[in-house]
Amino acid sequence: MFNGFLTRAPARTADRTIAVVSTSRETLDGVGEYLRRAGARTMPVAQFTDTSAMPDVDAVILFADDFPRAAALDACEHREGKEVGR
């Protein structure tokens, strides 16, 4: 039975680096702890202008509501190299 806590890192998250982008310290700490329990390395980011400045990450979790809409969309577009729905 799943108790809500990971006791062993699944292979798909082990050795992954995930950037967590938020202005909230609670969000950075909470999501970071959850991901570390899952076996991922985390990179907390409180401010950003361009997610391509994070070349060594496997994924970016962006709490877009923490930032101006245009800045969040621009950052995502630049990271992916394609337009994001507006």
PDB file of N, CA and C in Angstrom:
ATOM      1  N   MET A   1       0.833  -1.178   0.000  1.00  0.00           N
ATOM      2  CA  MET A   1       0.000   0.000   0.000  1.00  0.00           C
ATOM      3  C   MET A   1       0.880   1.246   0.000  1.00  0.00           C
ATOM      4  N   PHE A   2       0.534   2.226  -0.803  1.00  0.00           N
ATOM      5  CA  PHE A   2       1.292   3.471  -0.908  1.00  0.00           C
ATOM      6  C   PHE A   2       0.913   4.394   0.243  1.00  0.00           C
ATOM      7  N   ASN A   3       1.897   4.843   1.009  1.00  0.00           N
ATOM      8  CA  ASN A   3       1.626   5.687   2.166  1.00  0.00           C
ATOM      9  C   ASN A   3       1.893   7.164   1.914  1.00  0.00           C
ATOM     10  N   GLY A   4       2.162   7.535   0.670  1.00  0.00           N
ATOM     11  CA  GLY A   4       2.414   8.927   0.345  1.00  0.00           C
ATOM     12  C   GLY A   4       3.881   9.321   0.414  1.00  0.00           C
ATOM     13  N   PHE A   5       4.731   8.423   0.880  1.00  0.00           N
ATOM     14  CA  PHE A   5       6.152   8.724   0.978  1.00  0.00           C
ATOM     15  C   PHE A   5       6.950   7.720   0.166  1.00  0.00           C
ATOM     16  N   LEU A   6       7.916   8.226  -0.567  1.00  0.00           N
ATOM     17  CA  LEU A   6       8.781   7.350  -1.334  1.00  0.00           C
ATOM     18  C   LEU A   6       9.909   6.867  -0.439  1.00  0.00           C
ATOM     19  N   THR A   7      10.095   5.584  -0.377  1.00  0.00           N
ATOM     20  CA  THR A   7      11.177   5.051   0.449  1.00  0.00           C
ATOM     21  C   THR A   7      12.378   4.653  -0.392  1.00  0.00           C
ATOM     22  N   ARG A   8      12.188   4.555  -1.689  1.00  0.00           N
ATOM     23  CA  ARG A   8      13.263   4.178  -2.594  1.00  0.00           C
ATOM     24  C   ARG A   8      13.113   4.986  -3.870  1.00  0.00           C
ATOM     25  N   ALA A   9      14.218   5.458  -4.407  1.00  0.00           N
ATOM     26  CA  ALA A   9      14.161   6.300  -5.608  1.00  0.00           C
ATOM     27  C   ALA A   9      13.845   5.464  -6.837  1.00  0.00           C
ATOM     28  N   PRO A  10      12.785   5.815  -7.562  1.00  0.00           N
ATOM     29  CA  PRO A  10      12.525   5.138  -8.830  1.00  0.00           C
ATOM     30  C   PRO A  10      13.644   5.437  -9.823  1.00  0.00           C
ATOM     31  N   ALA A  11      13.917   4.512 -10.705  1.00  0.00           N
ATOM     32  CA  ALA A  11      15.020   4.669 -11.661  1.00  0.00           C
ATOM     33  C   ALA A  11      14.860   5.923 -12.514  1.00  0.00           C
ATOM     34  N   ARG A  12      13.649   6.308 -12.840  1.00  0.00           N
ATOM     35  CA  ARG A  12      13.465   7.446 -13.739  1.00  0.00           C
ATOM     36  C   ARG A  12      13.800   8.791 -13.096  1.00  0.00           C
ATOM     37  N   THR A  13      13.842   8.879 -11.777  1.00  0.00           N
ATOM     38  CA  THR A  13      14.202  10.149 -11.149  1.00  0.00           C
ATOM     39  C   THR A  13      15.625  10.158 -10.613  1.00  0.00           C
ATOM     40  N   ALA A  14      16.201   9.000 -10.440  1.00  0.00           N
ATOM     41  CA  ALA A  14      17.565   8.938  -9.900  1.00  0.00           C
ATOM     42  C   ALA A  14      18.518   9.645 -10.848  1.00  0.00           C
ATOM     43  N   ASP A  15      19.423  10.386 -10.289  1.00  0.00           N
ATOM     44  CA  ASP A  15      20.450  11.097 -11.045  1.00  0.00           C
ATOM     45  C   ASP A  15      19.895  12.141 -12.006  1.00  0.00           C
ATOM     46  N   ARG A  16      18.756  12.685 -11.686  1.00  0.00           N
ATOM     47  CA  ARG A  16      18.180  13.773 -12.487  1.00  0.00           C
ATOM     48  C   ARG A  16      18.315  15.069 -11.689  1.00  0.00           C
ATOM     49  N   THR A  17      18.536  16.164 -12.398  1.00  0.00           N
ATOM     50  CA  THR A  17      18.570  17.470 -11.759  1.00  0.00           C
ATOM     51  C   THR A  17      17.362  18.257 -12.238  1.00  0.00           C
ATOM     52  N   ILE A  18      16.585  18.745 -11.275  1.00  0.00           N
ATOM     53  CA  ILE A  18      15.356  19.454 -11.589  1.00  0.00           C
ATOM     54  C   ILE A  18      15.414  20.843 -10.960  1.00  0.00           C
ATOM     55  N   ALA A  19      15.251  21.873 -11.793  1.00  0.00           N
ATOM     56  CA  ALA A  19      15.188  23.245 -11.295  1.00  0.00           C
ATOM     57  C   ALA A  19      13.754  23.532 -10.857  1.00  0.00           C
ATOM     58  N   VAL A  20      13.602  24.065  -9.659  1.00  0.00           N
ATOM     59  CA  VAL A  20      12.298  24.466  -9.149  1.00  0.00           C
ATOM     60  C   VAL A  20      12.317  25.988  -9.081  1.00  0.00           C
ATOM     61  N   VAL A  21      11.441  26.631  -9.868  1.00  0.00           N
ATOM     62  CA  VAL A  21      11.454  28.083 -10.004  1.00  0.00           C
ATOM     63  C   VAL A  21      10.201  28.663  -9.351  1.00  0.00           C
ATOM     64  N   SER A  22      10.411  29.399  -8.257  1.00  0.00           N
ATOM     65  CA  SER A  22       9.304  29.998  -7.517  1.00  0.00           C
ATOM     66  C   SER A  22       9.849  31.127  -6.654  1.00  0.00           C
ATOM     67  N   THR A  23       8.996  32.102  -6.354  1.00  0.00           N
ATOM     68  CA  THR A  23       9.395  33.167  -5.436  1.00  0.00           C
ATOM     69  C   THR A  23       9.081  32.790  -3.994  1.00  0.00           C
ATOM     70  N   SER A  24       8.397  31.679  -3.789  1.00  0.00           N
ATOM     71  CA  SER A  24       7.999  31.248  -2.453  1.00  0.00           C
ATOM     72  C   SER A  24       9.027  30.304  -1.843  1.00  0.00           C
ATOM     73  N   ARG A  25       9.600  30.687  -0.715  1.00  0.00           N
ATOM     74  CA  ARG A  25      10.568  29.838  -0.020  1.00  0.00           C
ATOM     75  C   ARG A  25       9.902  28.524   0.393  1.00  0.00           C
ATOM     76  N   GLU A  26       8.650  28.579   0.844  1.00  0.00           N
ATOM     77  CA  GLU A  26       7.937  27.362   1.238  1.00  0.00           C
ATOM     78  C   GLU A  26       7.799  26.404   0.059  1.00  0.00           C
ATOM     79  N   THR A  27       7.484  26.932  -1.113  1.00  0.00           N
ATOM     80  CA  THR A  27       7.357  26.093  -2.305  1.00  0.00           C
ATOM     81  C   THR A  27       8.705  25.476  -2.668  1.00  0.00           C
ATOM     82  N   LEU A  28       9.756  26.292  -2.684  1.00  0.00           N
ATOM     83  CA  LEU A  28      11.083  25.780  -3.022  1.00  0.00           C
ATOM     84  C   LEU A  28      11.510  24.676  -2.058  1.00  0.00           C
ATOM     85  N   ASP A  29      11.291  24.918  -0.763  1.00  0.00           N
ATOM     86  CA  ASP A  29      11.680  23.922   0.240  1.00  0.00           C
ATOM     87  C   ASP A  29      10.829  22.656   0.146  1.00  0.00           C
ATOM     88  N   GLY A  30       9.519  22.825   0.047  1.00  0.00           N
ATOM     89  CA  GLY A  30       8.616  21.669   0.025  1.00  0.00           C
ATOM     90  C   GLY A  30       8.772  20.805  -1.216  1.00  0.00           C
ATOM     91  N   VAL A  31       8.788  21.428  -2.378  1.00  0.00           N
ATOM     92  CA  VAL A  31       8.947  20.665  -3.623  1.00  0.00           C
ATOM     93  C   VAL A  31      10.347  20.069  -3.685  1.00  0.00           C
ATOM     94  N   GLY A  32      11.341  20.832  -3.242  1.00  0.00           N
ATOM     95  CA  GLY A  32      12.712  20.315  -3.228  1.00  0.00           C
ATOM     96  C   GLY A  32      12.834  19.079  -2.354  1.00  0.00           C
ATOM     97  N   GLU A  33      12.241  19.105  -1.175  1.00  0.00           N
ATOM     98  CA  GLU A  33      12.281  17.946  -0.273  1.00  0.00           C
ATOM     99  C   GLU A  33      11.591  16.735  -0.903  1.00  0.00           C
ATOM    100  N   TYR A  34      10.442  16.963  -1.506  1.00  0.00           N
ATOM    101  CA  TYR A  34       9.709  15.875  -2.158  1.00  0.00           C
ATOM    102  C   TYR A  34      10.559  15.235  -3.262  1.00  0.00           C
ATOM    103  N   LEU A  35      11.162  16.075  -4.099  1.00  0.00           N
ATOM    104  CA  LEU A  35      11.972  15.554  -5.204  1.00  0.00           C
ATOM    105  C   LEU A  35      13.226  14.843  -4.700  1.00  0.00           C
ATOM    106  N   ARG A  36      13.842  15.366  -3.643  1.00  0.00           N
ATOM    107  CA  ARG A  36      15.017  14.692  -3.083  1.00  0.00           C
ATOM    108  C   ARG A  36      14.648  13.319  -2.530  1.00  0.00           C
ATOM    109  N   ARG A  37      13.488  13.208  -1.897  1.00  0.00           N
ATOM    110  CA  ARG A  37      13.042  11.894  -1.407  1.00  0.00           C
ATOM    111  C   ARG A  37      12.822  10.924  -2.571  1.00  0.00           C
ATOM    112  N   ALA A  38      12.490  11.469  -3.731  1.00  0.00           N
ATOM    113  CA  ALA A  38      12.288  10.642  -4.919  1.00  0.00           C
ATOM    114  C   ALA A  38      13.603  10.331  -5.623  1.00  0.00           C
ATOM    115  N   GLY A  39      14.705  10.897  -5.128  1.00  0.00           N
ATOM    116  CA  GLY A  39      16.018  10.586  -5.686  1.00  0.00           C
ATOM    117  C   GLY A  39      16.579  11.611  -6.638  1.00  0.00           C
ATOM    118  N   ALA A  40      15.876  12.719  -6.844  1.00  0.00           N
ATOM    119  CA  ALA A  40      16.358  13.739  -7.779  1.00  0.00           C
ATOM    120  C   ALA A  40      17.198  14.778  -7.053  1.00  0.00           C
ATOM    121  N   ARG A  41      18.121  15.386  -7.791  1.00  0.00           N
ATOM    122  CA  ARG A  41      18.842  16.548  -7.282  1.00  0.00           C
ATOM    123  C   ARG A  41      18.005  17.773  -7.662  1.00  0.00           C
ATOM    124  N   THR A  42      17.974  18.765  -6.787  1.00  0.00           N
ATOM    125  CA  THR A  42      17.175  19.949  -7.085  1.00  0.00           C
ATOM    126  C   THR A  42      18.036  21.195  -7.130  1.00  0.00           C
ATOM    127  N   MET A  43      17.562  22.157  -7.897  1.00  0.00           N
ATOM    128  CA  MET A  43      18.199  23.460  -8.005  1.00  0.00           C
ATOM    129  C   MET A  43      17.102  24.489  -7.731  1.00  0.00           C
ATOM    130  N   PRO A  44      17.038  25.042  -6.510  1.00  0.00           N
ATOM    131  CA  PRO A  44      16.027  26.057  -6.245  1.00  0.00           C
ATOM    132  C   PRO A  44      16.391  27.378  -6.923  1.00  0.00           C
ATOM    133  N   VAL A  45      15.420  27.997  -7.578  1.00  0.00           N
ATOM    134  CA  VAL A  45      15.646  29.258  -8.291  1.00  0.00           C
ATOM    135  C   VAL A  45      14.530  30.224  -7.887  1.00  0.00           C
ATOM    136  N   ALA A  46      14.907  31.310  -7.218  1.00  0.00           N
ATOM    137  CA  ALA A  46      13.912  32.267  -6.733  1.00  0.00           C
ATOM    138  C   ALA A  46      13.640  33.386  -7.740  1.00  0.00           C
ATOM    139  N   GLN A  47      14.582  33.642  -8.643  1.00  0.00           N
ATOM    140  CA  GLN A  47      14.406  34.660  -9.669  1.00  0.00           C
ATOM    141  C   GLN A  47      14.957  34.120 -10.968  1.00  0.00           C
ATOM    142  N   PHE A  48      14.344  34.509 -12.048  1.00  0.00           N
ATOM    143  CA  PHE A  48      14.852  34.052 -13.338  1.00  0.00           C
ATOM    144  C   PHE A  48      14.438  35.032 -14.415  1.00  0.00           C
ATOM    145  N   THR A  49      15.195  35.016 -15.478  1.00  0.00           N
ATOM    146  CA  THR A  49      14.798  35.760 -16.663  1.00  0.00           C
ATOM    147  C   THR A  49      14.836  34.856 -17.880  1.00  0.00           C
ATOM    148  N   ASP A  50      15.559  33.754 -17.773  1.00  0.00           N
ATOM    149  CA  ASP A  50      15.743  32.887 -18.931  1.00  0.00           C
ATOM    150  C   ASP A  50      16.090  31.481 -18.451  1.00  0.00           C
ATOM    151  N   THR A  51      15.221  30.519 -18.703  1.00  0.00           N
ATOM    152  CA  THR A  51      15.494  29.161 -18.237  1.00  0.00           C
ATOM    153  C   THR A  51      16.613  28.493 -19.015  1.00  0.00           C
ATOM    154  N   SER A  52      17.030  29.058 -20.149  1.00  0.00           N
ATOM    155  CA  SER A  52      18.162  28.463 -20.860  1.00  0.00           C
ATOM    156  C   SER A  52      19.461  28.701 -20.101  1.00  0.00           C
ATOM    157  N   ALA A  53      19.430  29.561 -19.092  1.00  0.00           N
ATOM    158  CA  ALA A  53      20.606  29.784 -18.246  1.00  0.00           C
ATOM    159  C   ALA A  53      20.815  28.605 -17.299  1.00  0.00           C
ATOM    160  N   MET A  54      19.930  27.620 -17.369  1.00  0.00           N
ATOM    161  CA  MET A  54      20.026  26.414 -16.542  1.00  0.00           C
ATOM    162  C   MET A  54      20.312  25.213 -17.446  1.00  0.00           C
ATOM    163  N   PRO A  55      21.447  25.196 -18.139  1.00  0.00           N
ATOM    164  CA  PRO A  55      21.695  24.147 -19.128  1.00  0.00           C
ATOM    165  C   PRO A  55      21.920  22.762 -18.532  1.00  0.00           C
ATOM    166  N   ASP A  56      22.281  22.687 -17.261  1.00  0.00           N
ATOM    167  CA  ASP A  56      22.610  21.397 -16.672  1.00  0.00           C
ATOM    168  C   ASP A  56      21.444  20.736 -15.958  1.00  0.00           C
ATOM    169  N   VAL A  57      20.223  21.162 -16.252  1.00  0.00           N
ATOM    170  CA  VAL A  57      19.064  20.549 -15.611  1.00  0.00           C
ATOM    171  C   VAL A  57      18.328  19.674 -16.609  1.00  0.00           C
ATOM    172  N   ASP A  58      17.711  18.624 -16.072  1.00  0.00           N
ATOM    173  CA  ASP A  58      16.937  17.716 -16.909  1.00  0.00           C
ATOM    174  C   ASP A  58      15.493  18.181 -17.064  1.00  0.00           C
ATOM    175  N   ALA A  59      15.025  18.982 -16.103  1.00  0.00           N
ATOM    176  CA  ALA A  59      13.650  19.473 -16.147  1.00  0.00           C
ATOM    177  C   ALA A  59      13.558  20.765 -15.348  1.00  0.00           C
ATOM    178  N   VAL A  60      12.546  21.546 -15.678  1.00  0.00           N
ATOM    179  CA  VAL A  60      12.266  22.784 -14.960  1.00  0.00           C
ATOM    180  C   VAL A  60      10.812  22.736 -14.508  1.00  0.00           C
ATOM    181  N   ILE A  61      10.599  22.934 -13.211  1.00  0.00           N
ATOM    182  CA  ILE A  61       9.248  23.083 -12.686  1.00  0.00           C
ATOM    183  C   ILE A  61       9.086  24.567 -12.390  1.00  0.00           C
ATOM    184  N   LEU A  62       8.257  25.212 -13.170  1.00  0.00           N
ATOM    185  CA  LEU A  62       8.064  26.651 -13.067  1.00  0.00           C
ATOM    186  C   LEU A  62       6.697  26.932 -12.446  1.00  0.00           C
ATOM    187  N   PHE A  63       6.694  27.588 -11.306  1.00  0.00           N
ATOM    188  CA  PHE A  63       5.454  28.044 -10.697  1.00  0.00           C
ATOM    189  C   PHE A  63       5.162  29.406 -11.312  1.00  0.00           C
ATOM    190  N   ALA A  64       4.554  29.366 -12.499  1.00  0.00           N
ATOM    191  CA  ALA A  64       4.393  30.545 -13.343  1.00  0.00           C
ATOM    192  C   ALA A  64       3.577  31.654 -12.689  1.00  0.00           C
ATOM    193  N   ASP A  65       2.665  31.315 -11.800  1.00  0.00           N
ATOM    194  CA  ASP A  65       1.853  32.340 -11.146  1.00  0.00           C
ATOM    195  C   ASP A  65       2.685  33.270 -10.270  1.00  0.00           C
ATOM    196  N   ASP A  66       3.912  32.882  -9.959  1.00  0.00           N
ATOM    197  CA  ASP A  66       4.787  33.711  -9.138  1.00  0.00           C
ATOM    198  C   ASP A  66       5.443  34.844  -9.937  1.00  0.00           C
ATOM    199  N   PHE A  67       5.300  34.818 -11.255  1.00  0.00           N
ATOM    200  CA  PHE A  67       6.008  35.755 -12.115  1.00  0.00           C
ATOM    201  C   PHE A  67       5.040  36.422 -13.078  1.00  0.00           C
ATOM    202  N   PRO A  68       5.423  37.575 -13.639  1.00  0.00           N
ATOM    203  CA  PRO A  68       4.570  38.199 -14.662  1.00  0.00           C
ATOM    204  C   PRO A  68       4.337  37.216 -15.813  1.00  0.00           C
ATOM    205  N   ARG A  69       3.104  37.171 -16.303  1.00  0.00           N
ATOM    206  CA  ARG A  69       2.711  36.191 -17.330  1.00  0.00           C
ATOM    207  C   ARG A  69       3.650  36.214 -18.548  1.00  0.00           C
ATOM    208  N   ALA A  70       3.923  37.401 -19.062  1.00  0.00           N
ATOM    209  CA  ALA A  70       4.771  37.506 -20.258  1.00  0.00           C
ATOM    210  C   ALA A  70       6.168  36.949 -20.001  1.00  0.00           C
ATOM    211  N   ALA A  71       6.725  37.222 -18.832  1.00  0.00           N
ATOM    212  CA  ALA A  71       8.071  36.729 -18.509  1.00  0.00           C
ATOM    213  C   ALA A  71       8.083  35.206 -18.409  1.00  0.00           C
ATOM    214  N   ALA A  72       7.054  34.630 -17.797  1.00  0.00           N
ATOM    215  CA  ALA A  72       6.983  33.174 -17.664  1.00  0.00           C
ATOM    216  C   ALA A  72       6.855  32.507 -19.033  1.00  0.00           C
ATOM    217  N   LEU A  73       5.989  33.054 -19.894  1.00  0.00           N
ATOM    218  CA  LEU A  73       5.827  32.483 -21.233  1.00  0.00           C
ATOM    219  C   LEU A  73       7.098  32.633 -22.060  1.00  0.00           C
ATOM    220  N   ASP A  74       7.733  33.789 -21.992  1.00  0.00           N
ATOM    221  CA  ASP A  74       8.978  33.999 -22.738  1.00  0.00           C
ATOM    222  C   ASP A  74      10.057  33.013 -22.302  1.00  0.00           C
ATOM    223  N   ALA A  75      10.162  32.788 -20.997  1.00  0.00           N
ATOM    224  CA  ALA A  75      11.161  31.849 -20.485  1.00  0.00           C
ATOM    225  C   ALA A  75      10.895  30.444 -20.996  1.00  0.00           C
ATOM    226  N   CYS A  76       9.640  30.045 -21.007  1.00  0.00           N
ATOM    227  CA  CYS A  76       9.290  28.699 -21.499  1.00  0.00           C
ATOM    228  C   CYS A  76       9.564  28.574 -22.994  1.00  0.00           C
ATOM    229  N   GLU A  77       9.212  29.598 -23.746  1.00  0.00           N
ATOM    230  CA  GLU A  77       9.453  29.563 -25.186  1.00  0.00           C
ATOM    231  C   GLU A  77      10.929  29.452 -25.491  1.00  0.00           C
ATOM    232  N   HIS A  78      11.731  30.211 -24.777  1.00  0.00           N
ATOM    233  CA  HIS A  78      13.170  30.193 -25.027  1.00  0.00           C
ATOM    234  C   HIS A  78      13.752  28.823 -24.683  1.00  0.00           C
ATOM    235  N   ARG A  79      13.292  28.220 -23.611  1.00  0.00           N
ATOM    236  CA  ARG A  79      13.780  26.902 -23.184  1.00  0.00           C
ATOM    237  C   ARG A  79      13.446  25.844 -24.231  1.00  0.00           C
ATOM    238  N   GLU A  80      12.235  25.891 -24.729  1.00  0.00           N
ATOM    239  CA  GLU A  80      11.774  24.872 -25.673  1.00  0.00           C
ATOM    240  C   GLU A  80      12.091  25.234 -27.120  1.00  0.00           C
ATOM    241  N   GLY A  81      12.319  26.497 -27.367  1.00  0.00           N
ATOM    242  CA  GLY A  81      12.600  26.920 -28.736  1.00  0.00           C
ATOM    243  C   GLY A  81      11.356  26.950 -29.603  1.00  0.00           C
ATOM    244  N   LYS A  82      10.177  27.033 -28.967  1.00  0.00           N
ATOM    245  CA  LYS A  82       8.941  27.112 -29.734  1.00  0.00           C
ATOM    246  C   LYS A  82       7.937  27.956 -28.969  1.00  0.00           C
ATOM    247  N   GLU A  83       6.926  28.400 -29.667  1.00  0.00           N
ATOM    248  CA  GLU A  83       5.936  29.274 -29.038  1.00  0.00           C
ATOM    249  C   GLU A  83       5.022  28.486 -28.111  1.00  0.00           C
ATOM    250  N   VAL A  84       4.729  29.097 -26.981  1.00  0.00           N
ATOM    251  CA  VAL A  84       3.825  28.511 -25.996  1.00  0.00           C
ATOM    252  C   VAL A  84       2.500  29.236 -26.132  1.00  0.00           C
ATOM    253  N   GLY A  85       1.389  28.511 -25.999  1.00  0.00           N
ATOM    254  CA  GLY A  85       0.054  29.123 -26.114  1.00  0.00           C
ATOM    255  C   GLY A  85      -0.119  30.279 -25.165  1.00  0.00           C
ATOM    256  N   ARG A  86      -0.670  31.353 -25.645  1.00  0.00           N
ATOM    257  CA  ARG A  86      -0.861  32.567 -24.821  1.00  0.00           C
ATOM    258  C   ARG A  86      -2.302  32.726 -24.478  1.00  0.00           C
TER     259      ARG A  86
END
